[in-house]
N, C-alpha and C. Protein backbone atom coordinates (compact mmCIF):
# COMPACT_ATOMS: atom_id res chain seq x y z
N MET A 1 -90.42 -58.01 -6.60
CA MET A 1 -89.61 -57.73 -5.48
C MET A 1 -89.26 -56.20 -5.35
N LEU A 2 -89.02 -55.55 -6.62
CA LEU A 2 -88.82 -54.16 -6.44
C LEU A 2 -89.94 -53.42 -5.81
N GLN A 3 -91.14 -53.74 -6.06
CA GLN A 3 -92.31 -53.13 -5.41
C GLN A 3 -92.24 -53.21 -4.01
N VAL A 4 -91.83 -54.44 -3.45
CA VAL A 4 -91.73 -54.59 -1.98
C VAL A 4 -90.60 -53.70 -1.48
N ILE A 5 -89.46 -53.75 -2.12
CA ILE A 5 -88.31 -52.88 -1.64
C ILE A 5 -88.86 -51.35 -1.70
N PHE A 6 -89.53 -50.91 -2.65
CA PHE A 6 -90.01 -49.42 -2.65
C PHE A 6 -90.84 -49.38 -1.54
N SER A 7 -91.67 -50.25 -1.04
CA SER A 7 -92.61 -50.12 -0.09
C SER A 7 -91.97 -49.90 1.30
N TYR A 8 -90.85 -50.61 1.57
CA TYR A 8 -90.17 -50.46 2.87
C TYR A 8 -88.86 -49.53 2.83
N LEU A 9 -88.50 -49.08 1.60
CA LEU A 9 -87.33 -48.29 1.55
C LEU A 9 -87.45 -46.85 2.32
N PRO A 10 -88.44 -46.09 2.36
CA PRO A 10 -88.53 -45.01 3.27
C PRO A 10 -88.14 -45.33 4.77
N TYR A 11 -88.84 -46.30 5.23
CA TYR A 11 -88.71 -46.85 6.59
C TYR A 11 -87.29 -47.21 6.78
N ALA A 12 -86.69 -48.04 5.78
CA ALA A 12 -85.26 -48.46 5.90
C ALA A 12 -84.37 -47.40 6.09
N LEU A 13 -84.52 -46.31 5.14
CA LEU A 13 -83.52 -45.19 5.09
C LEU A 13 -83.64 -44.41 6.31
N VAL A 14 -84.93 -44.04 6.88
CA VAL A 14 -84.94 -43.25 8.03
C VAL A 14 -84.35 -43.97 9.22
N THR A 15 -84.68 -45.22 9.38
CA THR A 15 -84.24 -46.10 10.45
C THR A 15 -82.70 -46.25 10.50
N THR A 16 -82.11 -46.44 9.32
CA THR A 16 -80.67 -46.79 9.33
C THR A 16 -79.81 -45.46 9.43
N PHE A 17 -80.36 -44.32 8.95
CA PHE A 17 -79.46 -43.13 9.08
C PHE A 17 -79.68 -42.30 10.24
N THR A 18 -80.82 -42.52 11.10
CA THR A 18 -80.96 -41.78 12.41
C THR A 18 -80.09 -42.25 13.33
N PRO A 19 -79.64 -41.47 14.29
CA PRO A 19 -78.58 -41.87 15.40
C PRO A 19 -79.10 -43.17 16.08
N GLY A 20 -78.25 -44.00 16.23
CA GLY A 20 -78.45 -45.26 17.01
C GLY A 20 -77.13 -45.73 17.44
N PRO A 21 -77.17 -46.79 18.26
CA PRO A 21 -75.77 -47.35 18.73
C PRO A 21 -74.86 -47.70 17.62
N ASN A 22 -75.24 -48.34 16.55
CA ASN A 22 -74.25 -48.61 15.45
C ASN A 22 -73.65 -47.50 14.88
N ASN A 23 -74.55 -46.38 14.44
CA ASN A 23 -74.14 -45.23 13.93
C ASN A 23 -73.19 -44.37 14.70
N ILE A 24 -73.64 -44.30 15.94
CA ILE A 24 -72.89 -43.54 16.90
C ILE A 24 -71.36 -44.22 17.11
N MET A 25 -71.29 -45.50 17.18
CA MET A 25 -70.12 -46.27 17.34
C MET A 25 -69.14 -46.09 16.11
N SER A 26 -69.87 -46.07 14.88
CA SER A 26 -69.04 -45.82 13.66
C SER A 26 -68.48 -44.45 13.72
N LEU A 27 -69.24 -43.45 14.05
CA LEU A 27 -68.70 -42.10 14.14
C LEU A 27 -67.73 -41.95 15.17
N TYR A 28 -67.96 -42.48 16.35
CA TYR A 28 -66.90 -42.41 17.44
C TYR A 28 -65.61 -43.06 17.17
N SER A 29 -65.74 -44.26 16.73
CA SER A 29 -64.43 -44.99 16.40
C SER A 29 -63.55 -44.33 15.38
N VAL A 30 -64.10 -43.81 14.24
CA VAL A 30 -63.35 -43.30 13.27
C VAL A 30 -62.83 -41.84 13.71
N SER A 31 -63.65 -41.05 14.36
CA SER A 31 -63.13 -39.76 14.77
C SER A 31 -62.14 -39.86 15.92
N SER A 32 -62.35 -40.91 16.77
CA SER A 32 -61.30 -41.02 17.83
C SER A 32 -60.01 -41.74 17.40
N TYR A 33 -60.17 -42.72 16.52
CA TYR A 33 -59.03 -43.69 16.29
C TYR A 33 -58.56 -43.72 14.87
N GLY A 34 -59.26 -43.07 13.91
CA GLY A 34 -58.88 -43.07 12.62
C GLY A 34 -59.66 -44.23 11.76
N TRP A 35 -59.39 -44.22 10.46
CA TRP A 35 -60.18 -45.28 9.58
C TRP A 35 -59.72 -46.68 9.81
N LYS A 36 -58.39 -46.94 10.21
CA LYS A 36 -57.90 -48.36 10.40
C LYS A 36 -58.73 -48.94 11.56
N LYS A 37 -58.94 -48.33 12.64
CA LYS A 37 -59.64 -48.94 13.73
C LYS A 37 -61.08 -48.82 13.58
N GLY A 38 -61.60 -47.75 12.79
CA GLY A 38 -62.91 -47.60 12.45
C GLY A 38 -63.45 -48.60 11.60
N ARG A 39 -62.60 -49.02 10.61
CA ARG A 39 -62.91 -50.15 9.69
C ARG A 39 -63.17 -51.50 10.42
N GLU A 40 -62.37 -51.66 11.43
CA GLU A 40 -62.40 -52.91 12.26
C GLU A 40 -63.83 -52.78 13.01
N VAL A 41 -64.26 -51.67 13.53
CA VAL A 41 -65.50 -51.53 14.26
C VAL A 41 -66.62 -51.70 13.28
N ILE A 42 -66.52 -51.13 12.18
CA ILE A 42 -67.57 -51.22 11.21
C ILE A 42 -67.70 -52.56 10.74
N SER A 43 -66.67 -53.27 10.54
CA SER A 43 -66.68 -54.69 10.16
C SER A 43 -67.41 -55.51 11.29
N GLY A 44 -67.14 -55.23 12.61
CA GLY A 44 -67.78 -55.87 13.62
C GLY A 44 -69.26 -55.73 13.72
N ILE A 45 -69.75 -54.35 13.49
CA ILE A 45 -71.05 -54.02 13.29
C ILE A 45 -71.79 -54.74 12.14
N PHE A 46 -70.96 -54.82 10.91
CA PHE A 46 -71.49 -55.50 9.71
C PHE A 46 -71.70 -56.98 10.09
N ALA A 47 -70.72 -57.57 10.75
CA ALA A 47 -70.83 -59.08 11.10
C ALA A 47 -72.00 -59.31 12.01
N GLY A 48 -72.18 -58.53 13.09
CA GLY A 48 -73.23 -58.69 13.86
C GLY A 48 -74.53 -58.49 13.45
N PHE A 49 -74.61 -57.29 12.60
CA PHE A 49 -75.91 -56.99 11.91
C PHE A 49 -76.25 -58.24 11.06
N SER A 50 -75.29 -58.75 10.24
CA SER A 50 -75.57 -59.70 9.24
C SER A 50 -76.09 -61.02 9.98
N LEU A 51 -75.46 -61.39 11.08
CA LEU A 51 -75.86 -62.59 11.79
C LEU A 51 -77.26 -62.37 12.38
N LEU A 52 -77.52 -61.26 12.80
CA LEU A 52 -78.88 -60.85 13.31
C LEU A 52 -79.90 -61.01 12.28
N MET A 53 -79.60 -60.39 10.98
CA MET A 53 -80.52 -60.55 9.99
C MET A 53 -80.81 -61.93 9.52
N LEU A 54 -79.80 -62.72 9.40
CA LEU A 54 -79.90 -64.31 9.15
C LEU A 54 -80.85 -64.85 10.19
N ALA A 55 -80.71 -64.60 11.34
CA ALA A 55 -81.44 -65.15 12.41
C ALA A 55 -82.90 -64.77 12.30
N CYS A 56 -83.14 -63.51 12.10
CA CYS A 56 -84.47 -62.98 11.98
C CYS A 56 -85.13 -63.63 10.74
N ILE A 57 -84.38 -63.86 9.77
CA ILE A 57 -85.05 -64.45 8.50
C ILE A 57 -85.49 -65.90 8.84
N LEU A 58 -84.49 -66.71 9.37
CA LEU A 58 -84.65 -68.08 9.61
C LEU A 58 -85.59 -68.46 10.70
N PHE A 59 -85.72 -67.63 11.69
CA PHE A 59 -86.52 -67.91 12.81
C PHE A 59 -87.86 -67.06 12.98
N CYS A 60 -88.11 -66.14 12.05
CA CYS A 60 -89.18 -65.05 12.27
C CYS A 60 -90.59 -65.84 12.51
N HIS A 61 -90.85 -66.80 11.72
CA HIS A 61 -92.15 -67.39 11.93
C HIS A 61 -92.18 -68.15 13.33
N GLU A 62 -91.15 -69.09 13.50
CA GLU A 62 -91.18 -69.75 14.70
C GLU A 62 -91.07 -68.98 16.09
N LEU A 63 -90.49 -67.87 15.94
CA LEU A 63 -90.22 -66.97 17.15
C LEU A 63 -91.33 -66.09 17.33
N SER A 64 -92.20 -65.98 16.38
CA SER A 64 -93.35 -65.00 16.61
C SER A 64 -94.17 -65.20 17.78
N ILE A 65 -94.31 -66.43 18.16
CA ILE A 65 -95.18 -66.74 19.42
C ILE A 65 -94.34 -66.32 20.65
N TYR A 66 -93.08 -66.50 20.51
CA TYR A 66 -92.27 -66.18 21.85
C TYR A 66 -91.59 -64.73 21.70
N LEU A 67 -91.73 -64.14 20.57
CA LEU A 67 -90.99 -62.92 20.44
C LEU A 67 -91.19 -61.91 21.44
N PRO A 68 -92.45 -61.61 21.92
CA PRO A 68 -92.55 -60.56 22.92
C PRO A 68 -91.58 -60.75 24.11
N GLU A 69 -91.56 -62.09 24.62
CA GLU A 69 -90.82 -62.42 25.67
C GLU A 69 -89.37 -62.23 25.47
N LEU A 70 -88.87 -62.65 24.26
CA LEU A 70 -87.46 -62.60 23.80
C LEU A 70 -87.01 -61.20 23.75
N VAL A 71 -87.90 -60.40 23.09
CA VAL A 71 -87.51 -58.92 22.85
C VAL A 71 -87.42 -58.22 24.27
N LYS A 72 -88.39 -58.66 25.12
CA LYS A 72 -88.23 -58.15 26.52
C LYS A 72 -87.01 -58.31 27.17
N TYR A 73 -86.38 -59.46 27.09
CA TYR A 73 -85.09 -59.82 27.73
C TYR A 73 -83.93 -59.19 26.98
N LEU A 74 -83.95 -59.16 25.67
CA LEU A 74 -82.98 -58.49 24.86
C LEU A 74 -82.91 -57.03 25.01
N LYS A 75 -84.09 -56.61 25.19
CA LYS A 75 -84.23 -54.97 25.42
C LYS A 75 -83.33 -54.64 26.60
N TYR A 76 -83.38 -55.36 27.74
CA TYR A 76 -82.71 -55.01 28.87
C TYR A 76 -81.18 -55.27 28.87
N VAL A 77 -80.91 -56.44 28.09
CA VAL A 77 -79.46 -56.62 27.92
C VAL A 77 -78.90 -55.62 27.06
N GLY A 78 -79.54 -55.18 25.88
CA GLY A 78 -79.08 -54.32 24.94
C GLY A 78 -79.14 -52.86 25.53
N ALA A 79 -79.99 -52.63 26.33
CA ALA A 79 -79.97 -51.30 27.14
C ALA A 79 -78.84 -51.20 28.04
N LEU A 80 -78.54 -52.30 28.92
CA LEU A 80 -77.43 -52.34 29.84
C LEU A 80 -76.21 -52.22 29.15
N TYR A 81 -75.95 -52.87 27.96
CA TYR A 81 -74.75 -52.76 27.27
C TYR A 81 -74.55 -51.38 26.67
N ILE A 82 -75.45 -50.69 26.08
CA ILE A 82 -75.42 -49.40 25.67
C ILE A 82 -75.17 -48.35 26.74
N ILE A 83 -75.69 -48.54 27.99
CA ILE A 83 -75.40 -47.67 29.09
C ILE A 83 -73.88 -47.84 29.42
N TRP A 84 -73.54 -49.07 29.54
CA TRP A 84 -72.06 -49.23 29.81
C TRP A 84 -71.15 -48.53 28.76
N LEU A 85 -71.57 -48.72 27.53
CA LEU A 85 -70.70 -48.11 26.42
C LEU A 85 -70.75 -46.62 26.59
N ALA A 86 -71.96 -46.14 26.86
CA ALA A 86 -72.11 -44.57 27.01
C ALA A 86 -71.28 -43.97 28.12
N VAL A 87 -71.30 -44.65 29.15
CA VAL A 87 -70.34 -44.16 30.28
C VAL A 87 -68.90 -44.35 29.97
N HIS A 88 -68.55 -45.48 29.34
CA HIS A 88 -67.12 -45.77 29.04
C HIS A 88 -66.64 -44.66 27.92
N ILE A 89 -67.45 -44.37 26.94
CA ILE A 89 -67.20 -43.33 25.90
C ILE A 89 -67.09 -41.96 26.54
N ALA A 90 -67.96 -41.64 27.38
CA ALA A 90 -67.93 -40.30 28.09
C ALA A 90 -66.72 -40.11 28.96
N MET A 91 -66.36 -41.13 29.47
CA MET A 91 -65.07 -41.02 30.44
C MET A 91 -63.65 -41.28 29.67
N SER A 92 -63.74 -41.63 28.38
CA SER A 92 -62.56 -42.06 27.73
C SER A 92 -61.76 -40.80 27.35
N ARG A 93 -60.41 -41.13 27.07
CA ARG A 93 -59.59 -40.06 26.53
C ARG A 93 -59.02 -40.54 25.16
N PRO A 94 -58.67 -39.57 24.39
CA PRO A 94 -58.08 -40.03 23.05
C PRO A 94 -56.91 -40.95 23.00
N SER A 95 -56.13 -41.02 24.12
CA SER A 95 -55.05 -41.89 24.18
C SER A 95 -55.32 -43.30 24.35
N GLU A 96 -56.61 -43.57 24.69
CA GLU A 96 -57.05 -44.93 24.91
C GLU A 96 -57.34 -45.69 23.64
N SER A 97 -56.38 -45.70 22.79
CA SER A 97 -56.72 -46.21 21.39
C SER A 97 -56.90 -47.78 21.35
N GLN A 98 -56.52 -48.48 22.37
CA GLN A 98 -56.73 -49.87 22.32
C GLN A 98 -57.74 -50.41 23.25
N ASN A 99 -58.68 -49.65 23.59
CA ASN A 99 -59.74 -49.93 24.51
C ASN A 99 -60.56 -51.11 23.94
N ASN A 100 -61.07 -51.90 24.79
CA ASN A 100 -61.84 -53.05 24.25
C ASN A 100 -63.10 -52.80 23.81
N SER A 101 -63.76 -51.70 24.24
CA SER A 101 -65.14 -51.43 23.57
C SER A 101 -65.12 -50.99 22.19
N VAL A 102 -63.93 -50.49 21.70
CA VAL A 102 -63.79 -50.11 20.34
C VAL A 102 -62.94 -51.18 19.62
N SER A 103 -63.70 -52.28 19.37
CA SER A 103 -63.17 -53.32 18.62
C SER A 103 -64.01 -54.09 17.82
N PHE A 104 -63.62 -55.02 16.94
CA PHE A 104 -64.47 -55.91 16.18
C PHE A 104 -65.50 -56.57 17.05
N THR A 105 -64.96 -57.18 18.16
CA THR A 105 -65.77 -57.92 19.07
C THR A 105 -66.87 -57.13 19.77
N GLY A 106 -66.38 -55.89 20.40
CA GLY A 106 -67.29 -55.00 21.03
C GLY A 106 -68.38 -54.70 20.07
N ALA A 107 -67.98 -54.27 18.84
CA ALA A 107 -69.04 -53.67 17.91
C ALA A 107 -69.84 -54.87 17.36
N PHE A 108 -69.38 -56.10 17.30
CA PHE A 108 -70.19 -57.23 16.98
C PHE A 108 -71.34 -57.47 17.91
N PHE A 109 -70.93 -57.52 19.24
CA PHE A 109 -71.94 -57.71 20.32
C PHE A 109 -72.84 -56.43 20.43
N LEU A 110 -72.42 -55.28 20.17
CA LEU A 110 -73.27 -54.15 20.09
C LEU A 110 -74.40 -54.35 18.98
N ALA A 111 -73.85 -54.62 17.86
CA ALA A 111 -74.91 -54.85 16.73
C ALA A 111 -75.79 -56.03 16.99
N LEU A 112 -75.30 -57.22 17.69
CA LEU A 112 -76.06 -58.34 17.94
C LEU A 112 -77.20 -58.03 18.98
N SER A 113 -76.86 -57.14 19.83
CA SER A 113 -77.77 -56.88 20.98
C SER A 113 -78.60 -55.68 20.78
N ASN A 114 -78.51 -55.09 19.67
CA ASN A 114 -79.17 -53.74 19.42
C ASN A 114 -80.61 -53.97 19.12
N VAL A 115 -81.52 -53.56 20.09
CA VAL A 115 -82.91 -53.88 20.06
C VAL A 115 -83.56 -53.06 18.87
N LYS A 116 -83.01 -51.87 18.69
CA LYS A 116 -83.54 -51.00 17.55
C LYS A 116 -83.39 -51.79 16.17
N VAL A 117 -82.18 -52.49 16.07
CA VAL A 117 -82.08 -53.32 14.95
C VAL A 117 -82.96 -54.59 14.88
N ILE A 118 -83.05 -55.21 15.96
CA ILE A 118 -84.02 -56.30 16.14
C ILE A 118 -85.43 -55.92 15.66
N LEU A 119 -85.89 -54.85 16.25
CA LEU A 119 -87.37 -54.43 15.93
C LEU A 119 -87.30 -54.00 14.38
N TYR A 120 -86.38 -53.29 13.96
CA TYR A 120 -86.31 -52.86 12.65
C TYR A 120 -86.41 -54.01 11.56
N LEU A 121 -85.63 -55.04 11.86
CA LEU A 121 -85.65 -56.21 10.98
C LEU A 121 -86.82 -57.01 11.07
N ILE A 122 -87.42 -57.22 12.20
CA ILE A 122 -88.67 -57.84 12.42
C ILE A 122 -89.88 -57.17 11.76
N THR A 123 -89.90 -55.82 11.86
CA THR A 123 -90.87 -55.16 11.26
C THR A 123 -90.81 -55.05 9.69
N ILE A 124 -89.61 -55.07 9.08
CA ILE A 124 -89.58 -55.11 7.66
C ILE A 124 -89.93 -56.66 7.29
N LEU A 125 -89.46 -57.61 8.01
CA LEU A 125 -89.78 -59.05 7.58
C LEU A 125 -91.33 -59.25 7.68
N THR A 126 -91.92 -58.83 8.87
CA THR A 126 -93.33 -59.21 9.14
C THR A 126 -94.34 -58.32 8.47
N ALA A 127 -93.94 -56.96 8.22
CA ALA A 127 -94.81 -55.96 7.72
C ALA A 127 -94.82 -55.92 6.09
N TYR A 128 -93.59 -56.24 5.56
CA TYR A 128 -93.46 -55.97 4.20
C TYR A 128 -92.99 -57.21 3.41
N ILE A 129 -91.95 -57.94 3.80
CA ILE A 129 -91.47 -59.01 3.03
C ILE A 129 -92.25 -60.30 3.09
N ILE A 130 -92.55 -60.84 4.28
CA ILE A 130 -93.33 -62.02 4.31
C ILE A 130 -94.76 -61.99 3.85
N PRO A 131 -95.37 -60.81 4.09
CA PRO A 131 -96.78 -60.78 3.38
C PRO A 131 -96.73 -60.72 1.94
N SER A 132 -95.54 -60.34 1.40
CA SER A 132 -95.65 -60.36 -0.08
C SER A 132 -95.34 -61.66 -0.65
N GLY A 133 -95.34 -62.82 0.13
CA GLY A 133 -95.33 -64.04 -0.29
C GLY A 133 -93.76 -64.57 -0.58
N ALA A 134 -92.93 -63.78 -0.05
CA ALA A 134 -91.52 -64.05 -0.44
C ALA A 134 -90.99 -65.35 0.38
N GLY A 135 -90.30 -66.19 -0.39
CA GLY A 135 -89.80 -67.40 0.17
C GLY A 135 -88.50 -67.13 0.66
N LEU A 136 -87.82 -68.22 1.18
CA LEU A 136 -86.44 -68.01 1.72
C LEU A 136 -85.44 -67.32 0.90
N TYR A 137 -85.46 -67.74 -0.42
CA TYR A 137 -84.50 -67.22 -1.36
C TYR A 137 -84.69 -65.65 -1.64
N GLU A 138 -86.01 -65.21 -1.69
CA GLU A 138 -86.35 -63.86 -1.79
C GLU A 138 -86.00 -62.99 -0.55
N MET A 139 -86.30 -63.69 0.55
CA MET A 139 -85.90 -62.99 1.87
C MET A 139 -84.48 -62.90 2.01
N MET A 140 -83.58 -63.70 1.42
CA MET A 140 -82.16 -63.57 1.50
C MET A 140 -81.87 -62.52 0.62
N LEU A 141 -82.41 -62.32 -0.56
CA LEU A 141 -82.12 -61.09 -1.53
C LEU A 141 -82.43 -59.77 -0.85
N HIS A 142 -83.55 -59.70 -0.16
CA HIS A 142 -84.00 -58.59 0.54
C HIS A 142 -82.91 -58.37 1.68
N ALA A 143 -82.44 -59.37 2.30
CA ALA A 143 -81.34 -59.31 3.29
C ALA A 143 -80.14 -58.49 2.86
N VAL A 144 -79.69 -58.89 1.63
CA VAL A 144 -78.48 -58.15 0.97
C VAL A 144 -78.77 -56.76 0.80
N PHE A 145 -80.04 -56.54 0.31
CA PHE A 145 -80.30 -55.07 0.11
C PHE A 145 -80.35 -54.36 1.51
N ILE A 146 -80.95 -54.86 2.45
CA ILE A 146 -81.03 -54.17 3.71
C ILE A 146 -79.72 -53.98 4.37
N ILE A 147 -78.75 -55.04 4.23
CA ILE A 147 -77.50 -54.96 4.80
C ILE A 147 -76.70 -53.92 4.06
N ALA A 148 -76.77 -53.73 2.75
CA ALA A 148 -76.14 -52.79 2.05
C ALA A 148 -76.53 -51.38 2.36
N ILE A 149 -77.85 -51.14 2.60
CA ILE A 149 -78.40 -49.80 3.07
C ILE A 149 -77.73 -49.47 4.37
N SER A 150 -77.70 -50.45 5.24
CA SER A 150 -77.18 -50.30 6.71
C SER A 150 -75.65 -50.05 6.56
N ALA A 151 -74.94 -50.64 5.72
CA ALA A 151 -73.49 -50.43 5.61
C ALA A 151 -73.12 -49.08 4.99
N VAL A 152 -73.93 -48.52 4.18
CA VAL A 152 -73.82 -47.15 3.64
C VAL A 152 -73.99 -46.25 4.87
N SER A 153 -74.93 -46.57 5.72
CA SER A 153 -75.13 -45.63 6.92
C SER A 153 -73.98 -45.66 7.70
N TRP A 154 -73.47 -46.75 8.16
CA TRP A 154 -72.20 -46.89 9.00
C TRP A 154 -71.11 -46.22 8.46
N PHE A 155 -70.80 -46.32 7.23
CA PHE A 155 -69.63 -45.71 6.59
C PHE A 155 -69.94 -44.13 6.41
N THR A 156 -71.09 -43.72 6.33
CA THR A 156 -71.45 -42.36 6.26
C THR A 156 -71.15 -41.61 7.56
N TRP A 157 -71.66 -42.34 8.68
CA TRP A 157 -71.43 -41.79 9.95
C TRP A 157 -69.93 -41.97 10.24
N GLY A 158 -69.19 -42.96 9.94
CA GLY A 158 -67.64 -43.06 10.11
C GLY A 158 -67.04 -41.85 9.30
N ALA A 159 -67.46 -41.59 7.98
CA ALA A 159 -66.81 -40.53 7.28
C ALA A 159 -67.04 -39.11 7.99
N ALA A 160 -68.22 -39.00 8.55
CA ALA A 160 -68.47 -37.69 9.35
C ALA A 160 -67.44 -37.69 10.37
N GLY A 161 -67.25 -38.82 11.07
CA GLY A 161 -66.18 -38.84 12.23
C GLY A 161 -64.84 -38.50 11.70
N GLY A 162 -64.53 -39.06 10.58
CA GLY A 162 -63.27 -38.83 9.90
C GLY A 162 -62.86 -37.45 9.39
N LEU A 163 -64.03 -36.85 9.00
CA LEU A 163 -63.86 -35.45 8.63
C LEU A 163 -63.68 -34.49 9.76
N LEU A 164 -64.19 -35.00 10.84
CA LEU A 164 -64.25 -34.07 12.10
C LEU A 164 -63.11 -34.37 13.03
N GLN A 165 -62.20 -35.31 12.64
CA GLN A 165 -61.23 -35.96 13.58
C GLN A 165 -60.49 -34.89 14.26
N ARG A 166 -59.86 -33.83 13.54
CA ARG A 166 -59.03 -32.76 14.21
C ARG A 166 -59.79 -32.02 15.23
N PHE A 167 -61.07 -31.62 14.82
CA PHE A 167 -61.88 -30.84 15.71
C PHE A 167 -62.18 -31.73 16.91
N ILE A 168 -62.57 -32.88 16.68
CA ILE A 168 -62.94 -33.79 17.98
C ILE A 168 -61.72 -34.00 18.82
N ALA A 169 -60.53 -34.14 18.19
CA ALA A 169 -59.37 -34.35 19.03
C ALA A 169 -59.11 -33.08 19.94
N LYS A 170 -59.41 -32.01 19.38
CA LYS A 170 -59.15 -30.74 20.28
C LYS A 170 -60.27 -30.67 21.35
N TYR A 171 -61.44 -31.02 21.00
CA TYR A 171 -62.58 -30.88 22.07
C TYR A 171 -63.15 -32.27 22.30
N PHE A 172 -62.23 -33.29 22.70
CA PHE A 172 -62.58 -34.62 22.91
C PHE A 172 -63.57 -34.77 24.12
N ARG A 173 -63.38 -34.02 25.12
CA ARG A 173 -64.22 -34.22 26.37
C ARG A 173 -65.65 -33.76 26.12
N PRO A 174 -65.94 -32.73 25.60
CA PRO A 174 -67.34 -32.37 25.26
C PRO A 174 -67.87 -33.35 24.23
N PHE A 175 -67.07 -33.56 23.16
CA PHE A 175 -67.45 -34.63 22.19
C PHE A 175 -67.94 -36.01 22.85
N ASN A 176 -67.06 -36.51 23.59
CA ASN A 176 -67.19 -37.81 24.25
C ASN A 176 -68.44 -37.83 25.14
N ILE A 177 -68.72 -36.70 25.97
CA ILE A 177 -69.75 -36.59 26.81
C ILE A 177 -71.10 -36.53 25.85
N LEU A 178 -71.02 -35.74 24.82
CA LEU A 178 -72.12 -35.67 23.82
C LEU A 178 -72.43 -37.12 23.32
N MET A 179 -71.47 -37.81 22.95
CA MET A 179 -71.64 -39.15 22.36
C MET A 179 -72.30 -40.02 23.51
N GLY A 180 -71.85 -39.96 24.70
CA GLY A 180 -72.35 -40.80 25.83
C GLY A 180 -73.67 -40.49 26.04
N ILE A 181 -74.03 -39.10 26.09
CA ILE A 181 -75.49 -38.80 26.21
C ILE A 181 -76.35 -39.27 25.14
N ILE A 182 -75.91 -39.15 23.88
CA ILE A 182 -76.69 -39.74 22.73
C ILE A 182 -76.94 -41.24 22.95
N LEU A 183 -75.96 -41.98 23.39
CA LEU A 183 -76.03 -43.44 23.71
C LEU A 183 -77.09 -43.62 24.76
N LEU A 184 -76.89 -42.82 25.88
CA LEU A 184 -77.92 -43.01 26.92
C LEU A 184 -79.24 -42.73 26.53
N TRP A 185 -79.54 -41.71 25.66
CA TRP A 185 -80.79 -41.45 24.92
C TRP A 185 -81.36 -42.74 24.25
N CYS A 186 -80.31 -43.37 23.58
CA CYS A 186 -80.84 -44.59 22.82
C CYS A 186 -81.18 -45.69 23.81
N ALA A 187 -80.49 -45.83 24.86
CA ALA A 187 -80.81 -46.86 25.88
C ALA A 187 -82.12 -46.47 26.49
N VAL A 188 -82.41 -45.23 26.81
CA VAL A 188 -83.75 -44.79 27.39
C VAL A 188 -84.92 -45.11 26.42
N GLN A 189 -84.62 -44.88 25.12
CA GLN A 189 -85.70 -45.09 24.05
C GLN A 189 -85.96 -46.50 24.06
N ILE A 190 -84.98 -47.44 24.21
CA ILE A 190 -85.07 -48.81 24.20
C ILE A 190 -86.05 -49.37 25.38
N LEU A 191 -85.82 -48.71 26.55
CA LEU A 191 -86.41 -49.07 27.84
C LEU A 191 -87.96 -48.51 27.89
N LEU A 192 -88.26 -47.54 27.06
CA LEU A 192 -89.59 -46.92 26.97
C LEU A 192 -90.57 -47.75 26.17
């Protein structure tokens, strides 16, 4: 099992720590609303990611026939949601601390519809874990490891937001526009 982990570890680290909707949302929520609200958002991302991981594990073989069609539709749903989120973040003000996009539920659905994560998980499962002969139990152990790496990434991005909170509060408009642009870039990457 360790040999398989070491084979996909570089891919997992690069994919989880590069900017994406989950990481940007972690950074934005902590920098704008502090750790209390940020933990709620990161918990939503964690729950959505975990459910998505479980679904990928349980249905990977069965969905492989239909996966291109499913990913095609999820791609557009995820991109539309990310675009909506980007516009909402770019237009928001710091006083909007109870907005619905920055919540457990909003973060849950963001993580659940994140095509980058879907492709990431399917790639790890089909390119590394399943070919190694892993059964369901081993796949679940890999899932725990993958979820742990991802959680470290969300908290790292959140911590960056927490450290920069005063600066961001002073320059909230350019920061929010930049975060919106990054999210739009994520949506464009999904659509390409």
